[in-house]
């Protein structure tokens, strides 16, 4: 379940997420679809690529989505802004979680 507010429309979406074309640790694809009752529906797909960048990993993604119902009537600017905000929140929490779980580097001998 996901609760989202896009402009004046607030809805609880029930849906599913499917992973495909898994190529660990390089890439994967995912597809998603959700029903939000009278608010409408959303469905789409994303391609995710992971690449080493020094001591870190860069995550790049491209998403295509379609919406219908009241959501489609709101307009793409509000939907794009909400999608960007949700992605930023997710990746911020994801990065914080992974950073906290990563073992601290051992300090060298004191001089």
PDB file of N, CA and C in Angstrom:
ATOM      1  N   UNK A   1       0.835  -1.185   0.000  1.00  0.00           N
ATOM      2  CA  UNK A   1       0.000   0.000   0.000  1.00  0.00           C
ATOM      3  C   UNK A   1       0.881   1.250   0.000  1.00  0.00           C
ATOM      4  N   UNK A   2       0.469   2.214  -0.740  1.00  0.00           N
ATOM      5  CA  UNK A   2       1.152   3.497  -0.809  1.00  0.00           C
ATOM      6  C   UNK A   2       0.084   4.570  -0.776  1.00  0.00           C
ATOM      7  N   UNK A   3       0.251   5.531   0.117  1.00  0.00           N
ATOM      8  CA  UNK A   3      -0.645   6.672   0.144  1.00  0.00           C
ATOM      9  C   UNK A   3       0.092   7.845  -0.482  1.00  0.00           C
ATOM     10  N   UNK A   4      -0.537   8.494  -1.439  1.00  0.00           N
ATOM     11  CA  UNK A   4       0.095   9.611  -2.133  1.00  0.00           C
ATOM     12  C   UNK A   4      -0.904  10.741  -2.313  1.00  0.00           C
ATOM     13  N   UNK A   5      -0.370  11.964  -2.292  1.00  0.00           N
ATOM     14  CA  UNK A   5      -1.183  13.147  -2.535  1.00  0.00           C
ATOM     15  C   UNK A   5      -0.576  13.867  -3.727  1.00  0.00           C
ATOM     16  N   UNK A   6      -1.374  14.048  -4.748  1.00  0.00           N
ATOM     17  CA  UNK A   6      -0.949  14.759  -5.953  1.00  0.00           C
ATOM     18  C   UNK A   6      -1.908  15.920  -6.127  1.00  0.00           C
ATOM     19  N   UNK A   7      -1.424  17.124  -5.850  1.00  0.00           N
ATOM     20  CA  UNK A   7      -2.303  18.288  -5.898  1.00  0.00           C
ATOM     21  C   UNK A   7      -3.466  18.071  -4.943  1.00  0.00           C
ATOM     22  N   UNK A   8      -4.691  18.246  -5.404  1.00  0.00           N
ATOM     23  CA  UNK A   8      -5.853  18.096  -4.529  1.00  0.00           C
ATOM     24  C   UNK A   8      -6.318  16.647  -4.360  1.00  0.00           C
ATOM     25  N   UNK A   9      -5.698  15.702  -5.077  1.00  0.00           N
ATOM     26  CA  UNK A   9      -6.135  14.303  -5.029  1.00  0.00           C
ATOM     27  C   UNK A   9      -5.230  13.505  -4.092  1.00  0.00           C
ATOM     28  N   UNK A  10      -5.852  12.883  -3.104  1.00  0.00           N
ATOM     29  CA  UNK A  10      -5.130  12.008  -2.184  1.00  0.00           C
ATOM     30  C   UNK A  10      -5.737  10.624  -2.305  1.00  0.00           C
ATOM     31  N   UNK A  11      -4.881   9.610  -2.416  1.00  0.00           N
ATOM     32  CA  UNK A  11      -5.395   8.255  -2.603  1.00  0.00           C
ATOM     33  C   UNK A  11      -4.453   7.236  -2.006  1.00  0.00           C
ATOM     34  N   UNK A  12      -5.022   6.095  -1.689  1.00  0.00           N
ATOM     35  CA  UNK A  12      -4.252   4.945  -1.225  1.00  0.00           C
ATOM     36  C   UNK A  12      -4.206   3.971  -2.390  1.00  0.00           C
ATOM     37  N   UNK A  13      -2.995   3.641  -2.812  1.00  0.00           N
ATOM     38  CA  UNK A  13      -2.813   2.754  -3.952  1.00  0.00           C
ATOM     39  C   UNK A  13      -2.441   1.359  -3.478  1.00  0.00           C
ATOM     40  N   UNK A  14      -3.087   0.396  -4.094  1.00  0.00           N
ATOM     41  CA  UNK A  14      -2.759  -0.996  -3.869  1.00  0.00           C
ATOM     42  C   UNK A  14      -2.208  -1.498  -5.193  1.00  0.00           C
ATOM     43  N   UNK A  15      -1.058  -2.149  -5.155  1.00  0.00           N
ATOM     44  CA  UNK A  15      -0.488  -2.568  -6.418  1.00  0.00           C
ATOM     45  C   UNK A  15       0.555  -3.636  -6.272  1.00  0.00           C
ATOM     46  N   UNK A  16       1.330  -3.790  -7.336  1.00  0.00           N
ATOM     47  CA  UNK A  16       2.402  -4.769  -7.306  1.00  0.00           C
ATOM     48  C   UNK A  16       3.618  -4.229  -8.040  1.00  0.00           C
ATOM     49  N   UNK A  17       4.763  -4.759  -7.643  1.00  0.00           N
ATOM     50  CA  UNK A  17       6.053  -4.388  -8.203  1.00  0.00           C
ATOM     51  C   UNK A  17       6.737  -5.678  -8.610  1.00  0.00           C
ATOM     52  N   UNK A  18       7.252  -5.731  -9.825  1.00  0.00           N
ATOM     53  CA  UNK A  18       7.901  -6.929 -10.333  1.00  0.00           C
ATOM     54  C   UNK A  18       9.309  -6.595 -10.801  1.00  0.00           C
ATOM     55  N   UNK A  19      10.285  -7.369 -10.357  1.00  0.00           N
ATOM     56  CA  UNK A  19      11.667  -7.223 -10.811  1.00  0.00           C
ATOM     57  C   UNK A  19      11.904  -8.185 -11.967  1.00  0.00           C
ATOM     58  N   UNK A  20      12.678  -7.750 -12.954  1.00  0.00           N
ATOM     59  CA  UNK A  20      12.978  -8.595 -14.113  1.00  0.00           C
ATOM     60  C   UNK A  20      14.365  -8.267 -14.646  1.00  0.00           C
ATOM     61  N   UNK A  21      14.858  -9.121 -15.507  1.00  0.00           N
ATOM     62  CA  UNK A  21      16.162  -8.911 -16.158  1.00  0.00           C
ATOM     63  C   UNK A  21      17.250  -8.610 -15.133  1.00  0.00           C
ATOM     64  N   UNK A  22      17.286  -9.388 -14.066  1.00  0.00           N
ATOM     65  CA  UNK A  22      18.258  -9.172 -13.000  1.00  0.00           C
ATOM     66  C   UNK A  22      19.664  -9.496 -13.504  1.00  0.00           C
ATOM     67  N   UNK A  23      20.578  -8.566 -13.329  1.00  0.00           N
ATOM     68  CA  UNK A  23      21.977  -8.742 -13.686  1.00  0.00           C
ATOM     69  C   UNK A  23      22.834  -8.192 -12.548  1.00  0.00           C
ATOM     70  N   UNK A  24      22.775  -8.870 -11.359  1.00  0.00           N
ATOM     71  CA  UNK A  24      23.506  -8.356 -10.206  1.00  0.00           C
ATOM     72  C   UNK A  24      25.002  -8.373 -10.465  1.00  0.00           C
ATOM     73  N   UNK A  25      25.735  -7.419 -10.059  1.00  0.00           N
ATOM     74  CA  UNK A  25      25.324  -6.181  -9.393  1.00  0.00           C
ATOM     75  C   UNK A  25      25.241  -5.006 -10.358  1.00  0.00           C
ATOM     76  N   UNK A  26      24.895  -5.268 -11.610  1.00  0.00           N
ATOM     77  CA  UNK A  26      24.962  -4.221 -12.627  1.00  0.00           C
ATOM     78  C   UNK A  26      23.635  -3.523 -12.929  1.00  0.00           C
ATOM     79  N   UNK A  27      22.557  -4.296 -13.071  1.00  0.00           N
ATOM     80  CA  UNK A  27      21.311  -3.657 -13.492  1.00  0.00           C
ATOM     81  C   UNK A  27      20.115  -4.564 -13.224  1.00  0.00           C
ATOM     82  N   UNK A  28      18.943  -3.959 -13.335  1.00  0.00           N
ATOM     83  CA  UNK A  28      17.678  -4.686 -13.281  1.00  0.00           C
ATOM     84  C   UNK A  28      16.580  -3.781 -13.816  1.00  0.00           C
ATOM     85  N   UNK A  29      15.461  -4.388 -14.135  1.00  0.00           N
ATOM     86  CA  UNK A  29      14.281  -3.642 -14.564  1.00  0.00           C
ATOM     87  C   UNK A  29      13.163  -3.931 -13.589  1.00  0.00           C
ATOM     88  N   UNK A  30      12.282  -2.985 -13.423  1.00  0.00           N
ATOM     89  CA  UNK A  30      11.111  -3.236 -12.600  1.00  0.00           C
ATOM     90  C   UNK A  30       9.893  -2.661 -13.277  1.00  0.00           C
ATOM     91  N   UNK A  31       8.771  -3.301 -13.014  1.00  0.00           N
ATOM     92  CA  UNK A  31       7.494  -2.790 -13.511  1.00  0.00           C
ATOM     93  C   UNK A  31       6.561  -2.667 -12.320  1.00  0.00           C
ATOM     94  N   UNK A  32       5.655  -1.719 -12.414  1.00  0.00           N
ATOM     95  CA  UNK A  32       4.751  -1.474 -11.293  1.00  0.00           C
ATOM     96  C   UNK A  32       3.381  -1.093 -11.816  1.00  0.00           C
ATOM     97  N   UNK A  33       2.392  -1.395 -11.027  1.00  0.00           N
ATOM     98  CA  UNK A  33       1.033  -0.961 -11.332  1.00  0.00           C
ATOM     99  C   UNK A  33       0.283  -0.811 -10.024  1.00  0.00           C
ATOM    100  N   UNK A  34      -0.571   0.175  -9.973  1.00  0.00           N
ATOM    101  CA  UNK A  34      -1.334   0.423  -8.765  1.00  0.00           C
ATOM    102  C   UNK A  34      -2.717   0.967  -9.073  1.00  0.00           C
ATOM    103  N   UNK A  35      -3.683   0.590  -8.256  1.00  0.00           N
ATOM    104  CA  UNK A  35      -5.047   1.071  -8.375  1.00  0.00           C
ATOM    105  C   UNK A  35      -5.348   1.955  -7.174  1.00  0.00           C
ATOM    106  N   UNK A  36      -5.852   3.143  -7.438  1.00  0.00           N
ATOM    107  CA  UNK A  36      -6.166   4.090  -6.374  1.00  0.00           C
ATOM    108  C   UNK A  36      -7.644   4.387  -6.267  1.00  0.00           C
ATOM    109  N   UNK A  37      -8.482   3.436  -6.623  1.00  0.00           N
ATOM    110  CA  UNK A  37      -9.931   3.652  -6.537  1.00  0.00           C
ATOM    111  C   UNK A  37     -10.374   4.770  -7.458  1.00  0.00           C
ATOM    112  N   UNK A  38     -11.195   5.689  -6.921  1.00  0.00           N
ATOM    113  CA  UNK A  38     -11.718   6.781  -7.743  1.00  0.00           C
ATOM    114  C   UNK A  38     -10.631   7.745  -8.199  1.00  0.00           C
ATOM    115  N   UNK A  39      -9.474   7.737  -7.518  1.00  0.00           N
ATOM    116  CA  UNK A  39      -8.377   8.615  -7.921  1.00  0.00           C
ATOM    117  C   UNK A  39      -7.771   8.180  -9.244  1.00  0.00           C
ATOM    118  N   UNK A  40      -7.873   6.891  -9.557  1.00  0.00           N
ATOM    119  CA  UNK A  40      -7.341   6.414 -10.828  1.00  0.00           C
ATOM    120  C   UNK A  40      -6.315   5.321 -10.652  1.00  0.00           C
ATOM    121  N   UNK A  41      -5.443   5.216 -11.636  1.00  0.00           N
ATOM    122  CA  UNK A  41      -4.433   4.174 -11.617  1.00  0.00           C
ATOM    123  C   UNK A  41      -3.099   4.744 -12.066  1.00  0.00           C
ATOM    124  N   UNK A  42      -2.042   4.002 -11.774  1.00  0.00           N
ATOM    125  CA  UNK A  42      -0.706   4.328 -12.250  1.00  0.00           C
ATOM    126  C   UNK A  42      -0.025   3.021 -12.621  1.00  0.00           C
ATOM    127  N   UNK A  43       0.717   3.038 -13.711  1.00  0.00           N
ATOM    128  CA  UNK A  43       1.514   1.877 -14.079  1.00  0.00           C
ATOM    129  C   UNK A  43       2.701   2.354 -14.884  1.00  0.00           C
ATOM    130  N   UNK A  44       3.766   1.559 -14.834  1.00  0.00           N
ATOM    131  CA  UNK A  44       4.949   1.960 -15.564  1.00  0.00           C
ATOM    132  C   UNK A  44       6.082   0.990 -15.378  1.00  0.00           C
ATOM    133  N   UNK A  45       7.268   1.437 -15.778  1.00  0.00           N
ATOM    134  CA  UNK A  45       8.463   0.611 -15.707  1.00  0.00           C
ATOM    135  C   UNK A  45       9.678   1.493 -15.470  1.00  0.00           C
ATOM    136  N   UNK A  46      10.704   0.883 -14.896  1.00  0.00           N
ATOM    137  CA  UNK A  46      11.956   1.600 -14.649  1.00  0.00           C
ATOM    138  C   UNK A  46      13.125   0.689 -14.980  1.00  0.00           C
ATOM    139  N   UNK A  47      14.171   1.279 -15.476  1.00  0.00           N
ATOM    140  CA  UNK A  47      15.420   0.585 -15.747  1.00  0.00           C
ATOM    141  C   UNK A  47      16.447   1.160 -14.773  1.00  0.00           C
ATOM    142  N   UNK A  48      17.106   0.290 -14.008  1.00  0.00           N
ATOM    143  CA  UNK A  48      18.056   0.726 -12.985  1.00  0.00           C
ATOM    144  C   UNK A  48      19.435   0.184 -13.327  1.00  0.00           C
ATOM    145  N   UNK A  49      20.437   1.047 -13.275  1.00  0.00           N
ATOM    146  CA  UNK A  49      21.815   0.639 -13.546  1.00  0.00           C
ATOM    147  C   UNK A  49      22.691   1.060 -12.376  1.00  0.00           C
ATOM    148  N   UNK A  50      23.569   0.158 -11.961  1.00  0.00           N
ATOM    149  CA  UNK A  50      24.521   0.415 -10.882  1.00  0.00           C
ATOM    150  C   UNK A  50      25.926   0.372 -11.464  1.00  0.00           C
ATOM    151  N   UNK A  51      26.772   1.332 -11.076  1.00  0.00           N
ATOM    152  CA  UNK A  51      28.146   1.337 -11.558  1.00  0.00           C
ATOM    153  C   UNK A  51      29.074   1.836 -10.461  1.00  0.00           C
ATOM    154  N   UNK A  52      30.277   1.236 -10.383  1.00  0.00           N
ATOM    155  CA  UNK A  52      31.226   1.668  -9.362  1.00  0.00           C
ATOM    156  C   UNK A  52      31.706   3.088  -9.650  1.00  0.00           C
ATOM    157  N   UNK A  53      31.885   3.828  -8.572  1.00  0.00           N
ATOM    158  CA  UNK A  53      32.398   5.193  -8.685  1.00  0.00           C
ATOM    159  C   UNK A  53      33.304   5.431  -7.482  1.00  0.00           C
ATOM    160  N   UNK A  54      34.587   5.103  -7.634  1.00  0.00           N
ATOM    161  CA  UNK A  54      35.507   5.199  -6.503  1.00  0.00           C
ATOM    162  C   UNK A  54      35.116   4.194  -5.437  1.00  0.00           C
ATOM    163  N   UNK A  55      34.959   4.660  -4.201  1.00  0.00           N
ATOM    164  CA  UNK A  55      34.550   3.807  -3.092  1.00  0.00           C
ATOM    165  C   UNK A  55      33.035   3.705  -2.965  1.00  0.00           C
ATOM    166  N   UNK A  56      32.306   4.299  -3.894  1.00  0.00           N
ATOM    167  CA  UNK A  56      30.854   4.312  -3.811  1.00  0.00           C
ATOM    168  C   UNK A  56      30.245   3.666  -5.058  1.00  0.00           C
ATOM    169  N   UNK A  57      28.945   3.625  -5.098  1.00  0.00           N
ATOM    170  CA  UNK A  57      28.222   3.091  -6.251  1.00  0.00           C
ATOM    171  C   UNK A  57      27.234   4.131  -6.737  1.00  0.00           C
ATOM    172  N   UNK A  58      27.234   4.355  -8.042  1.00  0.00           N
ATOM    173  CA  UNK A  58      26.273   5.284  -8.649  1.00  0.00           C
ATOM    174  C   UNK A  58      25.062   4.482  -9.095  1.00  0.00           C
ATOM    175  N   UNK A  59      23.878   4.977  -8.740  1.00  0.00           N
ATOM    176  CA  UNK A  59      22.622   4.375  -9.160  1.00  0.00           C
ATOM    177  C   UNK A  59      21.965   5.342 -10.130  1.00  0.00           C
ATOM    178  N   UNK A  60      21.707   4.881 -11.337  1.00  0.00           N
ATOM    179  CA  UNK A  60      21.023   5.696 -12.344  1.00  0.00           C
ATOM    180  C   UNK A  60      19.741   4.975 -12.736  1.00  0.00           C
ATOM    181  N   UNK A  61      18.691   5.733 -12.982  1.00  0.00           N
ATOM    182  CA  UNK A  61      17.433   5.100 -13.363  1.00  0.00           C
ATOM    183  C   UNK A  61      16.675   5.962 -14.354  1.00  0.00           C
ATOM    184  N   UNK A  62      15.851   5.292 -15.151  1.00  0.00           N
ATOM    185  CA  UNK A  62      14.956   5.966 -16.090  1.00  0.00           C
ATOM    186  C   UNK A  62      13.578   5.346 -15.897  1.00  0.00           C
ATOM    187  N   UNK A  63      12.563   6.192 -15.793  1.00  0.00           N
ATOM    188  CA  UNK A  63      11.208   5.721 -15.501  1.00  0.00           C
ATOM    189  C   UNK A  63      10.243   6.234 -16.562  1.00  0.00           C
ATOM    190  N   UNK A  64       9.302   5.378 -16.918  1.00  0.00           N
ATOM    191  CA  UNK A  64       8.177   5.775 -17.769  1.00  0.00           C
ATOM    192  C   UNK A  64       6.924   5.321 -17.039  1.00  0.00           C
ATOM    193  N   UNK A  65       5.950   6.223 -16.928  1.00  0.00           N
ATOM    194  CA  UNK A  65       4.723   5.884 -16.209  1.00  0.00           C
ATOM    195  C   UNK A  65       3.510   6.450 -16.926  1.00  0.00           C
ATOM    196  N   UNK A  66       2.387   5.791 -16.730  1.00  0.00           N
ATOM    197  CA  UNK A  66       1.104   6.254 -17.248  1.00  0.00           C
ATOM    198  C   UNK A  66       0.125   6.338 -16.087  1.00  0.00           C
ATOM    199  N   UNK A  67      -0.727   7.350 -16.112  1.00  0.00           N
ATOM    200  CA  UNK A  67      -1.754   7.489 -15.082  1.00  0.00           C
ATOM    201  C   UNK A  67      -3.099   7.702 -15.760  1.00  0.00           C
ATOM    202  N   UNK A  68      -4.159   7.339 -15.043  1.00  0.00           N
ATOM    203  CA  UNK A  68      -5.502   7.532 -15.571  1.00  0.00           C
ATOM    204  C   UNK A  68      -6.444   7.932 -14.449  1.00  0.00           C
ATOM    205  N   UNK A  69      -7.645   8.292 -14.790  1.00  0.00           N
ATOM    206  CA  UNK A  69      -8.629   8.711 -13.801  1.00  0.00           C
ATOM    207  C   UNK A  69      -8.406  10.158 -13.386  1.00  0.00           C
ATOM    208  N   UNK A  70      -8.772  10.477 -12.143  1.00  0.00           N
ATOM    209  CA  UNK A  70      -8.611  11.850 -11.648  1.00  0.00           C
ATOM    210  C   UNK A  70      -7.155  12.293 -11.695  1.00  0.00           C
ATOM    211  N   UNK A  71      -6.235  11.355 -11.497  1.00  0.00           N
ATOM    212  CA  UNK A  71      -4.815  11.705 -11.562  1.00  0.00           C
ATOM    213  C   UNK A  71      -4.451  12.287 -12.925  1.00  0.00           C
ATOM    214  N   UNK A  72      -4.970  11.712 -13.976  1.00  0.00           N
ATOM    215  CA  UNK A  72      -4.655  12.181 -15.318  1.00  0.00           C
ATOM    216  C   UNK A  72      -5.225  13.581 -15.575  1.00  0.00           C
ATOM    217  N   UNK A  73      -6.290  13.939 -14.882  1.00  0.00           N
ATOM    218  CA  UNK A  73      -6.909  15.243 -15.069  1.00  0.00           C
ATOM    219  C   UNK A  73      -6.116  16.363 -14.389  1.00  0.00           C
ATOM    220  N   UNK A  74      -5.275  16.010 -13.444  1.00  0.00           N
ATOM    221  CA  UNK A  74      -4.530  17.017 -12.678  1.00  0.00           C
ATOM    222  C   UNK A  74      -3.495  17.729 -13.523  1.00  0.00           C
ATOM    223  N   UNK A  75      -2.834  16.998 -14.390  1.00  0.00           N
ATOM    224  CA  UNK A  75      -1.809  17.606 -15.216  1.00  0.00           C
ATOM    225  C   UNK A  75      -0.436  17.058 -14.906  1.00  0.00           C
ATOM    226  N   UNK A  76       0.377  17.005 -15.943  1.00  0.00           N
ATOM    227  CA  UNK A  76       1.685  16.363 -15.828  1.00  0.00           C
ATOM    228  C   UNK A  76       2.654  17.099 -14.905  1.00  0.00           C
ATOM    229  N   UNK A  77       2.552  18.418 -14.787  1.00  0.00           N
ATOM    230  CA  UNK A  77       3.495  19.143 -13.921  1.00  0.00           C
ATOM    231  C   UNK A  77       3.347  18.734 -12.465  1.00  0.00           C
ATOM    232  N   UNK A  78       2.107  18.642 -11.985  1.00  0.00           N
ATOM    233  CA  UNK A  78       1.896  18.214 -10.599  1.00  0.00           C
ATOM    234  C   UNK A  78       2.316  16.768 -10.404  1.00  0.00           C
ATOM    235  N   UNK A  79       2.014  15.924 -11.368  1.00  0.00           N
ATOM    236  CA  UNK A  79       2.384  14.512 -11.258  1.00  0.00           C
ATOM    237  C   UNK A  79       3.896  14.361 -11.296  1.00  0.00           C
ATOM    238  N   UNK A  80       4.569  15.043 -12.214  1.00  0.00           N
ATOM    239  CA  UNK A  80       6.030  14.965 -12.296  1.00  0.00           C
ATOM    240  C   UNK A  80       6.677  15.467 -11.009  1.00  0.00           C
ATOM    241  N   UNK A  81       6.165  16.560 -10.463  1.00  0.00           N
ATOM    242  CA  UNK A  81       6.711  17.104  -9.216  1.00  0.00           C
ATOM    243  C   UNK A  81       6.545  16.140  -8.050  1.00  0.00           C
ATOM    244  N   UNK A  82       5.395  15.513  -7.964  1.00  0.00           N
ATOM    245  CA  UNK A  82       5.151  14.548  -6.890  1.00  0.00           C
ATOM    246  C   UNK A  82       6.036  13.322  -7.065  1.00  0.00           C
ATOM    247  N   UNK A  83       6.169  12.839  -8.291  1.00  0.00           N
ATOM    248  CA  UNK A  83       7.028  11.678  -8.556  1.00  0.00           C
ATOM    249  C   UNK A  83       8.473  11.990  -8.195  1.00  0.00           C
ATOM    250  N   UNK A  84       8.948  13.173  -8.540  1.00  0.00           N
ATOM    251  CA  UNK A  84      10.316  13.578  -8.219  1.00  0.00           C
ATOM    252  C   UNK A  84      10.510  13.649  -6.699  1.00  0.00           C
ATOM    253  N   UNK A  85       9.516  14.203  -6.002  1.00  0.00           N
ATOM    254  CA  UNK A  85       9.586  14.315  -4.543  1.00  0.00           C
ATOM    255  C   UNK A  85       9.630  12.927  -3.895  1.00  0.00           C
ATOM    256  N   UNK A  86       8.777  12.010  -4.355  1.00  0.00           N
ATOM    257  CA  UNK A  86       8.773  10.649  -3.806  1.00  0.00           C
ATOM    258  C   UNK A  86      10.100   9.944  -4.076  1.00  0.00           C
ATOM    259  N   UNK A  87      10.653  10.109  -5.280  1.00  0.00           N
ATOM    260  CA  UNK A  87      11.944   9.497  -5.606  1.00  0.00           C
ATOM    261  C   UNK A  87      13.045  10.075  -4.720  1.00  0.00           C
ATOM    262  N   UNK A  88      13.064  11.391  -4.524  1.00  0.00           N
ATOM    263  CA  UNK A  88      14.068  12.017  -3.655  1.00  0.00           C
ATOM    264  C   UNK A  88      13.967  11.501  -2.223  1.00  0.00           C
ATOM    265  N   UNK A  89      12.743  11.379  -1.708  1.00  0.00           N
ATOM    266  CA  UNK A  89      12.550  10.856  -0.351  1.00  0.00           C
ATOM    267  C   UNK A  89      13.032   9.419  -0.253  1.00  0.00           C
ATOM    268  N   UNK A  90      12.685   8.594  -1.242  1.00  0.00           N
ATOM    269  CA  UNK A  90      13.097   7.196  -1.230  1.00  0.00           C
ATOM    270  C   UNK A  90      14.615   7.083  -1.245  1.00  0.00           C
ATOM    271  N   UNK A  91      15.283   7.760  -2.188  1.00  0.00           N
ATOM    272  CA  UNK A  91      16.726   7.603  -2.309  1.00  0.00           C
ATOM    273  C   UNK A  91      17.475   8.224  -1.142  1.00  0.00           C
ATOM    274  N   UNK A  92      16.938   9.259  -0.533  1.00  0.00           N
ATOM    275  CA  UNK A  92      17.544   9.825   0.666  1.00  0.00           C
ATOM    276  C   UNK A  92      17.506   8.808   1.808  1.00  0.00           C
ATOM    277  N   UNK A  93      16.343   8.190   2.018  1.00  0.00           N
ATOM    278  CA  UNK A  93      16.213   7.168   3.069  1.00  0.00           C
ATOM    279  C   UNK A  93      17.057   5.943   2.734  1.00  0.00           C
ATOM    280  N   UNK A  94      17.084   5.550   1.463  1.00  0.00           N
ATOM    281  CA  UNK A  94      17.863   4.397   1.011  1.00  0.00           C
ATOM    282  C   UNK A  94      19.349   4.626   1.274  1.00  0.00           C
ATOM    283  N   UNK A  95      19.847   5.809   0.917  1.00  0.00           N
ATOM    284  CA  UNK A  95      21.247   6.145   1.126  1.00  0.00           C
ATOM    285  C   UNK A  95      21.586   6.176   2.617  1.00  0.00           C
ATOM    286  N   UNK A  96      20.709   6.758   3.426  1.00  0.00           N
ATOM    287  CA  UNK A  96      20.933   6.819   4.867  1.00  0.00           C
ATOM    288  C   UNK A  96      20.989   5.414   5.458  1.00  0.00           C
ATOM    289  N   UNK A  97      20.079   4.558   5.028  1.00  0.00           N
ATOM    290  CA  UNK A  97      20.041   3.183   5.527  1.00  0.00           C
ATOM    291  C   UNK A  97      21.318   2.436   5.150  1.00  0.00           C
ATOM    292  N   UNK A  98      21.744   2.540   3.893  1.00  0.00           N
ATOM    293  CA  UNK A  98      22.952   1.838   3.464  1.00  0.00           C
ATOM    294  C   UNK A  98      24.198   2.409   4.112  1.00  0.00           C
ATOM    295  N   UNK A  99      24.247   3.718   4.288  1.00  0.00           N
ATOM    296  CA  UNK A  99      25.406   4.344   4.930  1.00  0.00           C
ATOM    297  C   UNK A  99      25.526   3.910   6.382  1.00  0.00           C
ATOM    298  N   UNK A 100      24.401   3.778   7.078  1.00  0.00           N
ATOM    299  CA  UNK A 100      24.422   3.342   8.477  1.00  0.00           C
ATOM    300  C   UNK A 100      24.809   1.875   8.584  1.00  0.00           C
ATOM    301  N   UNK A 101      24.460   1.077   7.584  1.00  0.00           N
ATOM    302  CA  UNK A 101      24.747  -0.356   7.618  1.00  0.00           C
ATOM    303  C   UNK A 101      26.177  -0.670   7.195  1.00  0.00           C
ATOM    304  N   UNK A 102      26.827   0.256   6.493  1.00  0.00           N
ATOM    305  CA  UNK A 102      28.194   0.003   6.014  1.00  0.00           C
ATOM    306  C   UNK A 102      29.154   0.005   7.196  1.00  0.00           C
ATOM    307  N   UNK A 103      30.073  -0.992   7.239  1.00  0.00           N
ATOM    308  CA  UNK A 103      31.043  -1.032   8.338  1.00  0.00           C
ATOM    309  C   UNK A 103      31.995   0.158   8.245  1.00  0.00           C
ATOM    310  N   UNK A 104      32.317   0.714   9.395  1.00  0.00           N
ATOM    311  CA  UNK A 104      33.246   1.846   9.439  1.00  0.00           C
ATOM    312  C   UNK A 104      34.626   1.352   9.051  1.00  0.00           C
ATOM    313  N   UNK A 105      35.354   2.187   8.308  1.00  0.00           N
ATOM    314  CA  UNK A 105      36.716   1.822   7.929  1.00  0.00           C
ATOM    315  C   UNK A 105      37.589   1.863   9.174  1.00  0.00           C
ATOM    316  N   UNK A 106      38.487   0.897   9.252  1.00  0.00           N
ATOM    317  CA  UNK A 106      39.376   0.837  10.406  1.00  0.00           C
ATOM    318  C   UNK A 106      40.403   1.948  10.304  1.00  0.00           C
ATOM    319  N   UNK A 107      40.661   2.566  11.430  1.00  0.00           N
ATOM    320  CA  UNK A 107      41.643   3.644  11.480  1.00  0.00           C
ATOM    321  C   UNK A 107      43.045   3.031  11.489  1.00  0.00           C
ATOM    322  N   UNK A 108      43.967   3.703  10.874  1.00  0.00           N
ATOM    323  CA  UNK A 108      45.356   3.242  10.862  1.00  0.00           C
ATOM    324  C   UNK A 108      46.008   3.489  12.209  1.00  0.00           C
ATOM    325  N   UNK A 109      47.246   3.045  12.388  1.00  0.00           N
ATOM    326  CA  UNK A 109      47.935   3.252  13.671  1.00  0.00           C
ATOM    327  C   UNK A 109      48.111   4.726  13.978  1.00  0.00           C
ATOM    328  N   UNK A 110      47.997   5.061  15.247  1.00  0.00           N
ATOM    329  CA  UNK A 110      48.159   6.457  15.676  1.00  0.00           C
ATOM    330  C   UNK A 110      49.610   6.833  15.595  1.00  0.00           C
ATOM    331  N   UNK A 111      49.899   8.086  15.223  1.00  0.00           N
ATOM    332  CA  UNK A 111      51.285   8.512  15.150  1.00  0.00           C
ATOM    333  C   UNK A 111      51.624   9.478  16.233  1.00  0.00           C
TER     334      UNK A 111
END
